[in-house]
PDB file of N, CA and C in Angstrom:
ATOM      1  N   MET A   1       8.119  11.030  56.156  1.00  0.00           N
ATOM      2  CA  MET A   1       7.089  11.294  55.178  1.00  0.00           C
ATOM      3  C   MET A   1       5.728  10.927  55.770  1.00  0.00           C
ATOM      4  N   THR A   2       4.749  11.788  55.605  1.00  0.00           N
ATOM      5  CA  THR A   2       3.395  11.529  56.086  1.00  0.00           C
ATOM      6  C   THR A   2       2.515  11.181  54.900  1.00  0.00           C
ATOM      7  N   ASN A   3       1.294  10.706  55.200  1.00  0.00           N
ATOM      8  CA  ASN A   3       0.341  10.415  54.122  1.00  0.00           C
ATOM      9  C   ASN A   3       0.036  11.651  53.294  1.00  0.00           C
ATOM     10  N   ASP A   4       0.107  12.846  53.905  1.00  0.00           N
ATOM     11  CA  ASP A   4      -0.158  14.090  53.177  1.00  0.00           C
ATOM     12  C   ASP A   4       0.896  14.355  52.110  1.00  0.00           C
ATOM     13  N   ASP A   5       2.093  13.806  52.287  1.00  0.00           N
ATOM     14  CA  ASP A   5       3.175  14.007  51.342  1.00  0.00           C
ATOM     15  C   ASP A   5       3.092  13.063  50.146  1.00  0.00           C
ATOM     16  N   LEU A   6       2.289  12.014  50.250  1.00  0.00           N
ATOM     17  CA  LEU A   6       2.195  11.026  49.187  1.00  0.00           C
ATOM     18  C   LEU A   6       1.360  11.565  48.039  1.00  0.00           C
ATOM     19  N   PRO A   7       1.749  11.255  46.785  1.00  0.00           N
ATOM     20  CA  PRO A   7       0.974  11.737  45.637  1.00  0.00           C
ATOM     21  C   PRO A   7      -0.368  11.042  45.475  1.00  0.00           C
ATOM     22  N   LEU A   8      -0.547   9.889  46.096  1.00  0.00           N
ATOM     23  CA  LEU A   8      -1.805   9.159  46.007  1.00  0.00           C
ATOM     24  C   LEU A   8      -2.426   9.050  47.389  1.00  0.00           C
ATOM     25  N   PRO A   9      -3.762   9.078  47.463  1.00  0.00           N
ATOM     26  CA  PRO A   9      -4.411   8.997  48.772  1.00  0.00           C
ATOM     27  C   PRO A   9      -4.257   7.613  49.396  1.00  0.00           C
ATOM     28  N   VAL A  10      -4.228   7.591  50.685  1.00  0.00           N
ATOM     29  CA  VAL A  10      -4.173   6.328  51.415  1.00  0.00           C
ATOM     30  C   VAL A  10      -5.379   6.302  52.329  1.00  0.00           C
ATOM     31  N   GLY A  11      -6.165   5.238  52.292  1.00  0.00           N
ATOM     32  CA  GLY A  11      -7.337   5.146  53.148  1.00  0.00           C
ATOM     33  C   GLY A  11      -8.477   4.444  52.470  1.00  0.00           C
ATOM     34  N   ASP A  12      -9.639   4.523  53.091  1.00  0.00           N
ATOM     35  CA  ASP A  12     -10.806   3.797  52.613  1.00  0.00           C
ATOM     36  C   ASP A  12     -11.844   4.688  51.939  1.00  0.00           C
ATOM     37  N   SER A  13     -11.509   5.928  51.636  1.00  0.00           N
ATOM     38  CA  SER A  13     -12.500   6.801  51.025  1.00  0.00           C
ATOM     39  C   SER A  13     -12.777   6.353  49.591  1.00  0.00           C
ATOM     40  N   PRO A  14     -14.033   6.448  49.165  1.00  0.00           N
ATOM     41  CA  PRO A  14     -14.393   6.048  47.803  1.00  0.00           C
ATOM     42  C   PRO A  14     -13.636   6.880  46.766  1.00  0.00           C
ATOM     43  N   LEU A  15     -13.314   6.260  45.661  1.00  0.00           N
ATOM     44  CA  LEU A  15     -12.562   6.907  44.602  1.00  0.00           C
ATOM     45  C   LEU A  15     -13.339   6.744  43.307  1.00  0.00           C
ATOM     46  N   SER A  16     -13.703   7.849  42.686  1.00  0.00           N
ATOM     47  CA  SER A  16     -14.418   7.757  41.414  1.00  0.00           C
ATOM     48  C   SER A  16     -13.428   7.442  40.299  1.00  0.00           C
ATOM     49  N   ILE A  17     -13.952   7.017  39.178  1.00  0.00           N
ATOM     50  CA  ILE A  17     -13.096   6.738  38.025  1.00  0.00           C
ATOM     51  C   ILE A  17     -12.379   8.012  37.605  1.00  0.00           C
ATOM     52  N   ARG A  18     -13.076   9.106  37.572  1.00  0.00           N
ATOM     53  CA  ARG A  18     -12.481  10.391  37.179  1.00  0.00           C
ATOM     54  C   ARG A  18     -11.359  10.779  38.132  1.00  0.00           C
ATOM     55  N   GLU A  19     -11.591  10.579  39.432  1.00  0.00           N
ATOM     56  CA  GLU A  19     -10.549  10.882  40.415  1.00  0.00           C
ATOM     57  C   GLU A  19      -9.348   9.959  40.228  1.00  0.00           C
ATOM     58  N   ALA A  20      -9.614   8.693  39.932  1.00  0.00           N
ATOM     59  CA  ALA A  20      -8.531   7.742  39.701  1.00  0.00           C
ATOM     60  C   ALA A  20      -7.687   8.181  38.507  1.00  0.00           C
ATOM     61  N   GLN A  21      -8.349   8.628  37.454  1.00  0.00           N
ATOM     62  CA  GLN A  21      -7.605   9.103  36.285  1.00  0.00           C
ATOM     63  C   GLN A  21      -6.731  10.302  36.651  1.00  0.00           C
ATOM     64  N   ALA A  22      -7.262  11.210  37.443  1.00  0.00           N
ATOM     65  CA  ALA A  22      -6.489  12.391  37.856  1.00  0.00           C
ATOM     66  C   ALA A  22      -5.313  11.989  38.748  1.00  0.00           C
ATOM     67  N   LEU A  23      -5.542  11.048  39.661  1.00  0.00           N
ATOM     68  CA  LEU A  23      -4.474  10.621  40.561  1.00  0.00           C
ATOM     69  C   LEU A  23      -3.355   9.889  39.823  1.00  0.00           C
ATOM     70  N   VAL A  24      -3.727   9.040  38.883  1.00  0.00           N
ATOM     71  CA  VAL A  24      -2.712   8.345  38.092  1.00  0.00           C
ATOM     72  C   VAL A  24      -1.911   9.366  37.290  1.00  0.00           C
ATOM     73  N   ASP A  25      -2.599  10.330  36.693  1.00  0.00           N
ATOM     74  CA  ASP A  25      -1.911  11.364  35.915  1.00  0.00           C
ATOM     75  C   ASP A  25      -0.949  12.153  36.799  1.00  0.00           C
ATOM     76  N   LYS A  26      -1.395  12.507  37.998  1.00  0.00           N
ATOM     77  CA  LYS A  26      -0.529  13.242  38.927  1.00  0.00           C
ATOM     78  C   LYS A  26       0.699  12.417  39.277  1.00  0.00           C
ATOM     79  N   TRP A  27       0.510  11.146  39.568  1.00  0.00           N
ATOM     80  CA  TRP A  27       1.631  10.280  39.924  1.00  0.00           C
ATOM     81  C   TRP A  27       2.614  10.150  38.757  1.00  0.00           C
ATOM     82  N   ILE A  28       2.067   9.912  37.562  1.00  0.00           N
ATOM     83  CA  ILE A  28       2.923   9.758  36.378  1.00  0.00           C
ATOM     84  C   ILE A  28       3.763  11.015  36.170  1.00  0.00           C
ATOM     85  N   ASN A  29       3.158  12.177  36.309  1.00  0.00           N
ATOM     86  CA  ASN A  29       3.857  13.426  36.025  1.00  0.00           C
ATOM     87  C   ASN A  29       4.744  13.932  37.160  1.00  0.00           C
ATOM     88  N   THR A  30       4.666  13.309  38.323  1.00  0.00           N
ATOM     89  CA  THR A  30       5.536  13.719  39.427  1.00  0.00           C
ATOM     90  C   THR A  30       6.541  12.624  39.745  1.00  0.00           C
ATOM     91  N   THR A  31       6.071  11.464  40.093  1.00  0.00           N
ATOM     92  CA  THR A  31       6.939  10.359  40.495  1.00  0.00           C
ATOM     93  C   THR A  31       7.400   9.544  39.295  1.00  0.00           C
ATOM     94  N   GLY A  32       6.533   9.323  38.358  1.00  0.00           N
ATOM     95  CA  GLY A  32       6.848   8.474  37.205  1.00  0.00           C
ATOM     96  C   GLY A  32       7.575   9.177  36.083  1.00  0.00           C
ATOM     97  N   VAL A  33       7.740  10.471  36.158  1.00  0.00           N
ATOM     98  CA  VAL A  33       8.426  11.318  35.183  1.00  0.00           C
ATOM     99  C   VAL A  33       7.575  11.583  33.946  1.00  0.00           C
ATOM    100  N   ARG A  34       7.167  10.533  33.225  1.00  0.00           N
ATOM    101  CA  ARG A  34       6.319  10.694  32.038  1.00  0.00           C
ATOM    102  C   ARG A  34       5.641   9.366  31.738  1.00  0.00           C
ATOM    103  N   TYR A  35       4.625   9.430  30.877  1.00  0.00           N
ATOM    104  CA  TYR A  35       3.966   8.206  30.424  1.00  0.00           C
ATOM    105  C   TYR A  35       4.896   7.440  29.496  1.00  0.00           C
ATOM    106  N   PHE A  36       4.827   6.097  29.563  1.00  0.00           N
ATOM    107  CA  PHE A  36       5.444   5.292  28.523  1.00  0.00           C
ATOM    108  C   PHE A  36       4.646   5.533  27.243  1.00  0.00           C
ATOM    109  N   SER A  37       5.177   5.159  26.106  1.00  0.00           N
ATOM    110  CA  SER A  37       4.428   5.321  24.850  1.00  0.00           C
ATOM    111  C   SER A  37       3.158   4.481  24.908  1.00  0.00           C
ATOM    112  N   GLU A  38       2.194   4.845  24.080  1.00  0.00           N
ATOM    113  CA  GLU A  38       0.931   4.111  24.025  1.00  0.00           C
ATOM    114  C   GLU A  38       1.154   2.643  23.686  1.00  0.00           C
ATOM    115  N   LEU A  39       2.058   2.389  22.749  1.00  0.00           N
ATOM    116  CA  LEU A  39       2.329   1.008  22.351  1.00  0.00           C
ATOM    117  C   LEU A  39       2.987   0.227  23.483  1.00  0.00           C
ATOM    118  N   THR A  40       3.908   0.858  24.202  1.00  0.00           N
ATOM    119  CA  THR A  40       4.527   0.198  25.351  1.00  0.00           C
ATOM    120  C   THR A  40       3.471  -0.108  26.405  1.00  0.00           C
ATOM    121  N   ASN A  41       2.579   0.852  26.675  1.00  0.00           N
ATOM    122  CA  ASN A  41       1.520   0.611  27.661  1.00  0.00           C
ATOM    123  C   ASN A  41       0.570  -0.485  27.210  1.00  0.00           C
ATOM    124  N   MET A  42       0.335  -0.609  25.914  1.00  0.00           N
ATOM    125  CA  MET A  42      -0.506  -1.710  25.425  1.00  0.00           C
ATOM    126  C   MET A  42       0.167  -3.041  25.702  1.00  0.00           C
ATOM    127  N   ALA A  43       1.476  -3.112  25.494  1.00  0.00           N
ATOM    128  CA  ALA A  43       2.212  -4.345  25.788  1.00  0.00           C
ATOM    129  C   ALA A  43       2.191  -4.640  27.285  1.00  0.00           C
ATOM    130  N   ILE A  44       2.348  -3.600  28.106  1.00  0.00           N
ATOM    131  CA  ILE A  44       2.306  -3.786  29.562  1.00  0.00           C
ATOM    132  C   ILE A  44       0.918  -4.243  29.995  1.00  0.00           C
ATOM    133  N   LEU A  45      -0.141  -3.678  29.394  1.00  0.00           N
ATOM    134  CA  LEU A  45      -1.507  -4.095  29.721  1.00  0.00           C
ATOM    135  C   LEU A  45      -1.693  -5.579  29.414  1.00  0.00           C
ATOM    136  N   THR A  46      -1.195  -6.009  28.267  1.00  0.00           N
ATOM    137  CA  THR A  46      -1.290  -7.417  27.889  1.00  0.00           C
ATOM    138  C   THR A  46      -0.561  -8.295  28.906  1.00  0.00           C
ATOM    139  N   GLU A  47       0.606  -7.834  29.329  1.00  0.00           N
ATOM    140  CA  GLU A  47       1.384  -8.562  30.337  1.00  0.00           C
ATOM    141  C   GLU A  47       0.619  -8.653  31.661  1.00  0.00           C
ATOM    142  N   GLU A  48       0.015  -7.552  32.083  1.00  0.00           N
ATOM    143  CA  GLU A  48      -0.732  -7.538  33.347  1.00  0.00           C
ATOM    144  C   GLU A  48      -1.963  -8.433  33.275  1.00  0.00           C
ATOM    145  N   VAL A  49      -2.665  -8.421  32.153  1.00  0.00           N
ATOM    146  CA  VAL A  49      -3.826  -9.301  31.988  1.00  0.00           C
ATOM    147  C   VAL A  49      -3.373 -10.754  32.032  1.00  0.00           C
ATOM    148  N   GLY A  50      -2.207 -11.038  31.470  1.00  0.00           N
ATOM    149  CA  GLY A  50      -1.650 -12.388  31.550  1.00  0.00           C
ATOM    150  C   GLY A  50      -1.385 -12.814  32.986  1.00  0.00           C
ATOM    151  N   GLU A  51      -0.921 -11.870  33.815  1.00  0.00           N
ATOM    152  CA  GLU A  51      -0.683 -12.180  35.226  1.00  0.00           C
ATOM    153  C   GLU A  51      -2.001 -12.464  35.946  1.00  0.00           C
ATOM    154  N   VAL A  52      -3.056 -11.735  35.580  1.00  0.00           N
ATOM    155  CA  VAL A  52      -4.378 -12.011  36.151  1.00  0.00           C
ATOM    156  C   VAL A  52      -4.831 -13.403  35.724  1.00  0.00           C
ATOM    157  N   ALA A  53      -4.675 -13.717  34.448  1.00  0.00           N
ATOM    158  CA  ALA A  53      -5.094 -15.030  33.933  1.00  0.00           C
ATOM    159  C   ALA A  53      -4.329 -16.156  34.623  1.00  0.00           C
ATOM    160  N   ARG A  54      -3.043 -15.965  34.808  1.00  0.00           N
ATOM    161  CA  ARG A  54      -2.218 -16.982  35.464  1.00  0.00           C
ATOM    162  C   ARG A  54      -2.710 -17.245  36.885  1.00  0.00           C
ATOM    163  N   LEU A  55      -2.996 -16.178  37.605  1.00  0.00           N
ATOM    164  CA  LEU A  55      -3.464 -16.320  38.981  1.00  0.00           C
ATOM    165  C   LEU A  55      -4.871 -16.922  39.035  1.00  0.00           C
ATOM    166  N   MET A  56      -5.740 -16.498  38.143  1.00  0.00           N
ATOM    167  CA  MET A  56      -7.101 -17.055  38.097  1.00  0.00           C
ATOM    168  C   MET A  56      -7.066 -18.558  37.831  1.00  0.00           C
ATOM    169  N   SER A  57      -6.167 -18.991  36.939  1.00  0.00           N
ATOM    170  CA  SER A  57      -6.104 -20.419  36.610  1.00  0.00           C
ATOM    171  C   SER A  57      -5.624 -21.248  37.795  1.00  0.00           C
ATOM    172  N   ARG A  58      -4.913 -20.592  38.705  1.00  0.00           N
ATOM    173  CA  ARG A  58      -4.442 -21.302  39.885  1.00  0.00           C
ATOM    174  C   ARG A  58      -5.440 -21.223  41.044  1.00  0.00           C
ATOM    175  N   LEU A  59      -6.088 -20.086  41.169  1.00  0.00           N
ATOM    176  CA  LEU A  59      -7.069 -19.910  42.245  1.00  0.00           C
ATOM    177  C   LEU A  59      -8.394 -20.605  41.945  1.00  0.00           C
ATOM    178  N   TYR A  60      -8.857 -20.535  40.696  1.00  0.00           N
ATOM    179  CA  TYR A  60     -10.189 -21.028  40.356  1.00  0.00           C
ATOM    180  C   TYR A  60     -10.178 -22.138  39.315  1.00  0.00           C
ATOM    181  N   GLY A  61      -9.033 -22.384  38.732  1.00  0.00           N
ATOM    182  CA  GLY A  61      -8.912 -23.412  37.709  1.00  0.00           C
ATOM    183  C   GLY A  61      -8.203 -24.636  38.244  1.00  0.00           C
ATOM    184  N   ASP A  62      -7.669 -25.407  37.330  1.00  0.00           N
ATOM    185  CA  ASP A  62      -7.079 -26.697  37.674  1.00  0.00           C
ATOM    186  C   ASP A  62      -5.572 -26.671  37.869  1.00  0.00           C
ATOM    187  N   GLN A  63      -4.943 -25.545  37.577  1.00  0.00           N
ATOM    188  CA  GLN A  63      -3.488 -25.496  37.716  1.00  0.00           C
ATOM    189  C   GLN A  63      -3.072 -25.330  39.174  1.00  0.00           C
ATOM    190  N   SER A  64      -1.930 -25.919  39.504  1.00  0.00           N
ATOM    191  CA  SER A  64      -1.389 -25.794  40.860  1.00  0.00           C
ATOM    192  C   SER A  64      -0.410 -24.622  40.903  1.00  0.00           C
ATOM    193  N   PHE A  65      -0.183 -24.123  42.109  1.00  0.00           N
ATOM    194  CA  PHE A  65       0.727 -23.000  42.307  1.00  0.00           C
ATOM    195  C   PHE A  65       2.170 -23.462  42.194  1.00  0.00           C
ATOM    196  N   LYS A  66       2.985 -22.636  41.561  1.00  0.00           N
ATOM    197  CA  LYS A  66       4.437 -22.808  41.572  1.00  0.00           C
ATOM    198  C   LYS A  66       4.968 -21.892  42.659  1.00  0.00           C
ATOM    199  N   GLU A  67       6.197 -22.096  43.062  1.00  0.00           N
ATOM    200  CA  GLU A  67       6.799 -21.229  44.079  1.00  0.00           C
ATOM    201  C   GLU A  67       6.720 -19.763  43.659  1.00  0.00           C
ATOM    202  N   SER A  68       6.969 -19.492  42.374  1.00  0.00           N
ATOM    203  CA  SER A  68       6.971 -18.106  41.878  1.00  0.00           C
ATOM    204  C   SER A  68       5.582 -17.466  41.906  1.00  0.00           C
ATOM    205  N   ASP A  69       4.521 -18.286  41.995  1.00  0.00           N
ATOM    206  CA  ASP A  69       3.147 -17.773  42.031  1.00  0.00           C
ATOM    207  C   ASP A  69       2.699 -17.427  43.449  1.00  0.00           C
ATOM    208  N   LYS A  70       3.346 -18.011  44.420  1.00  0.00           N
ATOM    209  CA  LYS A  70       2.902 -17.846  45.805  1.00  0.00           C
ATOM    210  C   LYS A  70       3.103 -16.406  46.265  1.00  0.00           C
ATOM    211  N   GLY A  71       2.151 -15.930  47.049  1.00  0.00           N
ATOM    212  CA  GLY A  71       2.217 -14.567  47.557  1.00  0.00           C
ATOM    213  C   GLY A  71       1.575 -13.540  46.639  1.00  0.00           C
ATOM    214  N   LYS A  72       1.196 -13.940  45.443  1.00  0.00           N
ATOM    215  CA  LYS A  72       0.525 -13.020  44.521  1.00  0.00           C
ATOM    216  C   LYS A  72      -0.937 -12.910  44.927  1.00  0.00           C
ATOM    217  N   GLU A  73      -1.467 -11.701  44.822  1.00  0.00           N
ATOM    218  CA  GLU A  73      -2.858 -11.454  45.197  1.00  0.00           C
ATOM    219  C   GLU A  73      -3.649 -10.980  43.994  1.00  0.00           C
ATOM    220  N   LEU A  74      -4.835 -11.535  43.812  1.00  0.00           N
ATOM    221  CA  LEU A  74      -5.683 -11.169  42.685  1.00  0.00           C
ATOM    222  C   LEU A  74      -6.004  -9.679  42.706  1.00  0.00           C
ATOM    223  N   ALA A  75      -6.301  -9.124  43.879  1.00  0.00           N
ATOM    224  CA  ALA A  75      -6.634  -7.696  43.968  1.00  0.00           C
ATOM    225  C   ALA A  75      -5.489  -6.839  43.444  1.00  0.00           C
ATOM    226  N   ASP A  76      -4.274  -7.180  43.798  1.00  0.00           N
ATOM    227  CA  ASP A  76      -3.109  -6.415  43.353  1.00  0.00           C
ATOM    228  C   ASP A  76      -2.907  -6.546  41.848  1.00  0.00           C
ATOM    229  N   GLU A  77      -3.097  -7.748  41.321  1.00  0.00           N
ATOM    230  CA  GLU A  77      -2.930  -7.955  39.883  1.00  0.00           C
ATOM    231  C   GLU A  77      -4.014  -7.214  39.096  1.00  0.00           C
ATOM    232  N   LEU A  78      -5.248  -7.216  39.608  1.00  0.00           N
ATOM    233  CA  LEU A  78      -6.321  -6.461  38.944  1.00  0.00           C
ATOM    234  C   LEU A  78      -6.047  -4.967  39.010  1.00  0.00           C
ATOM    235  N   ALA A  79      -5.519  -4.500  40.141  1.00  0.00           N
ATOM    236  CA  ALA A  79      -5.189  -3.079  40.273  1.00  0.00           C
ATOM    237  C   ALA A  79      -4.070  -2.683  39.308  1.00  0.00           C
ATOM    238  N   ASP A  80      -3.080  -3.557  39.120  1.00  0.00           N
ATOM    239  CA  ASP A  80      -2.024  -3.283  38.137  1.00  0.00           C
ATOM    240  C   ASP A  80      -2.631  -3.125  36.745  1.00  0.00           C
ATOM    241  N   THR A  81      -3.575  -3.999  36.419  1.00  0.00           N
ATOM    242  CA  THR A  81      -4.240  -3.941  35.119  1.00  0.00           C
ATOM    243  C   THR A  81      -5.029  -2.647  34.967  1.00  0.00           C
ATOM    244  N   LEU A  82      -5.769  -2.282  36.015  1.00  0.00           N
ATOM    245  CA  LEU A  82      -6.543  -1.045  35.990  1.00  0.00           C
ATOM    246  C   LEU A  82      -5.624   0.168  35.848  1.00  0.00           C
ATOM    247  N   TRP A  83      -4.493   0.169  36.545  1.00  0.00           N
ATOM    248  CA  TRP A  83      -3.535   1.272  36.478  1.00  0.00           C
ATOM    249  C   TRP A  83      -3.101   1.522  35.030  1.00  0.00           C
ATOM    250  N   VAL A  84      -2.700   0.448  34.340  1.00  0.00           N
ATOM    251  CA  VAL A  84      -2.217   0.611  32.968  1.00  0.00           C
ATOM    252  C   VAL A  84      -3.359   1.012  32.040  1.00  0.00           C
ATOM    253  N   LEU A  85      -4.545   0.476  32.257  1.00  0.00           N
ATOM    254  CA  LEU A  85      -5.708   0.867  31.463  1.00  0.00           C
ATOM    255  C   LEU A  85      -5.987   2.360  31.629  1.00  0.00           C
ATOM    256  N   ILE A  86      -5.895   2.847  32.858  1.00  0.00           N
ATOM    257  CA  ILE A  86      -6.084   4.276  33.125  1.00  0.00           C
ATOM    258  C   ILE A  86      -4.995   5.090  32.436  1.00  0.00           C
ATOM    259  N   CYS A  87      -3.761   4.603  32.464  1.00  0.00           N
ATOM    260  CA  CYS A  87      -2.684   5.312  31.766  1.00  0.00           C
ATOM    261  C   CYS A  87      -3.005   5.459  30.283  1.00  0.00           C
ATOM    262  N   ILE A  88      -3.445   4.379  29.658  1.00  0.00           N
ATOM    263  CA  ILE A  88      -3.777   4.415  28.232  1.00  0.00           C
ATOM    264  C   ILE A  88      -4.920   5.395  27.978  1.00  0.00           C
ATOM    265  N   ALA A  89      -5.928   5.372  28.828  1.00  0.00           N
ATOM    266  CA  ALA A  89      -7.044   6.315  28.678  1.00  0.00           C
ATOM    267  C   ALA A  89      -6.546   7.754  28.805  1.00  0.00           C
ATOM    268  N   ASN A  90      -5.742   8.010  29.807  1.00  0.00           N
ATOM    269  CA  ASN A  90      -5.226   9.370  30.014  1.00  0.00           C
ATOM    270  C   ASN A  90      -4.430   9.855  28.814  1.00  0.00           C
ATOM    271  N   GLN A  91      -3.535   9.047  28.320  1.00  0.00           N
ATOM    272  CA  GLN A  91      -2.661   9.525  27.263  1.00  0.00           C
ATOM    273  C   GLN A  91      -3.340   9.576  25.903  1.00  0.00           C
ATOM    274  N   THR A  92      -4.515   8.978  25.782  1.00  0.00           N
ATOM    275  CA  THR A  92      -5.264   9.059  24.524  1.00  0.00           C
ATOM    276  C   THR A  92      -6.476   9.985  24.645  1.00  0.00           C
ATOM    277  N   GLY A  93      -6.594  10.666  25.788  1.00  0.00           N
ATOM    278  CA  GLY A  93      -7.645  11.667  25.961  1.00  0.00           C
ATOM    279  C   GLY A  93      -9.030  11.095  26.199  1.00  0.00           C
ATOM    280  N   ILE A  94      -9.122   9.905  26.766  1.00  0.00           N
ATOM    281  CA  ILE A  94     -10.421   9.277  27.007  1.00  0.00           C
ATOM    282  C   ILE A  94     -10.837   9.477  28.454  1.00  0.00           C
ATOM    283  N   ASP A  95     -12.032  10.000  28.639  1.00  0.00           N
ATOM    284  CA  ASP A  95     -12.649  10.128  29.957  1.00  0.00           C
ATOM    285  C   ASP A  95     -13.362   8.806  30.210  1.00  0.00           C
ATOM    286  N   LEU A  96     -12.790   7.981  31.070  1.00  0.00           N
ATOM    287  CA  LEU A  96     -13.361   6.647  31.303  1.00  0.00           C
ATOM    288  C   LEU A  96     -14.748   6.692  31.922  1.00  0.00           C
ATOM    289  N   THR A  97     -15.053   7.730  32.685  1.00  0.00           N
ATOM    290  CA  THR A  97     -16.406   7.854  33.246  1.00  0.00           C
ATOM    291  C   THR A  97     -17.417   7.976  32.120  1.00  0.00           C
ATOM    292  N   LYS A  98     -17.166   8.894  31.187  1.00  0.00           N
ATOM    293  CA  LYS A  98     -18.071   9.068  30.043  1.00  0.00           C
ATOM    294  C   LYS A  98     -18.101   7.821  29.169  1.00  0.00           C
ATOM    295  N   ALA A  99     -16.947   7.211  28.962  1.00  0.00           N
ATOM    296  CA  ALA A  99     -16.878   6.012  28.119  1.00  0.00           C
ATOM    297  C   ALA A  99     -17.684   4.866  28.727  1.00  0.00           C
ATOM    298  N   LEU A 100     -17.572   4.676  30.046  1.00  0.00           N
ATOM    299  CA  LEU A 100     -18.316   3.607  30.704  1.00  0.00           C
ATOM    300  C   LEU A 100     -19.814   3.893  30.683  1.00  0.00           C
ATOM    301  N   GLU A 101     -20.202   5.157  30.923  1.00  0.00           N
ATOM    302  CA  GLU A 101     -21.622   5.513  30.864  1.00  0.00           C
ATOM    303  C   GLU A 101     -22.195   5.221  29.482  1.00  0.00           C
ATOM    304  N   LYS A 102     -21.455   5.587  28.426  1.00  0.00           N
ATOM    305  CA  LYS A 102     -21.901   5.346  27.057  1.00  0.00           C
ATOM    306  C   LYS A 102     -21.976   3.842  26.779  1.00  0.00           C
ATOM    307  N   ASN A 103     -21.008   3.080  27.294  1.00  0.00           N
ATOM    308  CA  ASN A 103     -20.978   1.639  27.094  1.00  0.00           C
ATOM    309  C   ASN A 103     -22.154   0.965  27.790  1.00  0.00           C
ATOM    310  N   LEU A 104     -22.473   1.414  29.011  1.00  0.00           N
ATOM    311  CA  LEU A 104     -23.622   0.853  29.733  1.00  0.00           C
ATOM    312  C   LEU A 104     -24.927   1.152  28.996  1.00  0.00           C
ATOM    313  N   GLU A 105     -25.034   2.352  28.450  1.00  0.00           N
ATOM    314  CA  GLU A 105     -26.225   2.710  27.676  1.00  0.00           C
ATOM    315  C   GLU A 105     -26.365   1.782  26.470  1.00  0.00           C
ATOM    316  N   LYS A 106     -25.257   1.541  25.776  1.00  0.00           N
ATOM    317  CA  LYS A 106     -25.263   0.634  24.621  1.00  0.00           C
ATOM    318  C   LYS A 106     -25.713  -0.762  25.036  1.00  0.00           C
ATOM    319  N   LYS A 107     -25.161  -1.266  26.135  1.00  0.00           N
ATOM    320  CA  LYS A 107     -25.515  -2.606  26.598  1.00  0.00           C
ATOM    321  C   LYS A 107     -26.976  -2.687  27.021  1.00  0.00           C
ATOM    322  N   ASN A 108     -27.483  -1.644  27.657  1.00  0.00           N
ATOM    323  CA  ASN A 108     -28.888  -1.635  28.074  1.00  0.00           C
ATOM    324  C   ASN A 108     -29.834  -1.692  26.885  1.00  0.00           C
ATOM    325  N   ILE A 109     -29.433  -1.094  25.784  1.00  0.00           N
ATOM    326  CA  ILE A 109     -30.273  -1.128  24.583  1.00  0.00           C
ATOM    327  C   ILE A 109     -30.094  -2.460  23.856  1.00  0.00           C
ATOM    328  N   ARG A 110     -28.861  -2.824  23.599  1.00  0.00           N
ATOM    329  CA  ARG A 110     -28.560  -4.017  22.811  1.00  0.00           C
ATOM    330  C   ARG A 110     -28.937  -5.302  23.523  1.00  0.00           C
ATOM    331  N   ASP A 111     -28.700  -5.359  24.829  1.00  0.00           N
ATOM    332  CA  ASP A 111     -28.851  -6.606  25.562  1.00  0.00           C
ATOM    333  C   ASP A 111     -30.036  -6.607  26.529  1.00  0.00           C
ATOM    334  N   ALA A 112     -30.997  -5.725  26.294  1.00  0.00           N
ATOM    335  CA  ALA A 112     -32.120  -5.594  27.221  1.00  0.00           C
ATOM    336  C   ALA A 112     -32.798  -6.930  27.500  1.00  0.00           C
ATOM    337  N   GLN A 113     -32.974  -7.764  26.495  1.00  0.00           N
ATOM    338  CA  GLN A 113     -33.637  -9.059  26.664  1.00  0.00           C
ATOM    339  C   GLN A 113     -32.741 -10.250  26.359  1.00  0.00           C
ATOM    340  N   ARG A 114     -31.619  -9.999  25.720  1.00  0.00           N
ATOM    341  CA  ARG A 114     -30.769 -11.081  25.218  1.00  0.00           C
ATOM    342  C   ARG A 114     -30.380 -12.091  26.301  1.00  0.00           C
ATOM    343  N   HIS A 115     -29.905 -11.643  27.415  1.00  0.00           N
ATOM    344  CA  HIS A 115     -29.438 -12.569  28.460  1.00  0.00           C
ATOM    345  C   HIS A 115     -30.611 -13.234  29.186  1.00  0.00           C
ATOM    346  N   LYS A 116     -31.709 -12.530  29.333  1.00  0.00           N
ATOM    347  CA  LYS A 116     -32.894 -13.105  29.974  1.00  0.00           C
ATOM    348  C   LYS A 116     -33.458 -14.244  29.143  1.00  0.00           C
ATOM    349  N   GLU A 117     -33.278 -14.151  27.830  1.00  0.00           N
ATOM    350  CA  GLU A 117     -33.809 -15.165  26.922  1.00  0.00           C
ATOM    351  C   GLU A 117     -32.809 -16.268  26.608  1.00  0.00           C
ATOM    352  N   ASN A 118     -31.637 -16.206  27.188  1.00  0.00           N
ATOM    353  CA  ASN A 118     -30.598 -17.191  26.925  1.00  0.00           C
ATOM    354  C   ASN A 118     -30.788 -18.398  27.842  1.00  0.00           C
ATOM    355  N   ASP A 119     -31.172 -19.520  27.260  1.00  0.00           N
ATOM    356  CA  ASP A 119     -31.408 -20.735  28.039  1.00  0.00           C
ATOM    357  C   ASP A 119     -30.158 -21.225  28.749  1.00  0.00           C
ATOM    358  N   LYS A 120     -28.998 -20.908  28.240  1.00  0.00           N
ATOM    359  CA  LYS A 120     -27.735 -21.334  28.857  1.00  0.00           C
ATOM    360  C   LYS A 120     -27.512 -20.665  30.222  1.00  0.00           C
ATOM    361  N   LEU A 121     -28.169 -19.555  30.448  1.00  0.00           N
ATOM    362  CA  LEU A 121     -27.986 -18.808  31.699  1.00  0.00           C
ATOM    363  C   LEU A 121     -29.030 -19.136  32.759  1.00  0.00           C
ATOM    364  N   LYS A 122     -29.951 -20.028  32.429  1.00  0.00           N
ATOM    365  CA  LYS A 122     -31.017 -20.368  33.378  1.00  0.00           C
ATOM    366  C   LYS A 122     -30.635 -21.530  34.240  1.00  0.00           C
TER     367      LYS A 122
END
């Protein structure tokens, strides 16, 4: 099997959010057979976020590593979380590029001065 045969690209080329959504959809519909239900994916997302939290508490917090935690990588755990988030977006018809652009616009209006004026952040 060559990289050309793989359903997902391998390499360092930049990947847009829209492209990521298309690639996840392609993988799900070829290799993954079908999407899990939305509710199942929500439970999986919660589980993946928990794995990120567990690793963060060990890497940056006060908890020590257990044997079962060793070898886990934050990048991989974040990617697992992103994968499931993309699945949920795909199966609910959400274009994450448009959603993020709209969210940034909202934050730019709502929070234009809020953080600059927050004494806790100085």
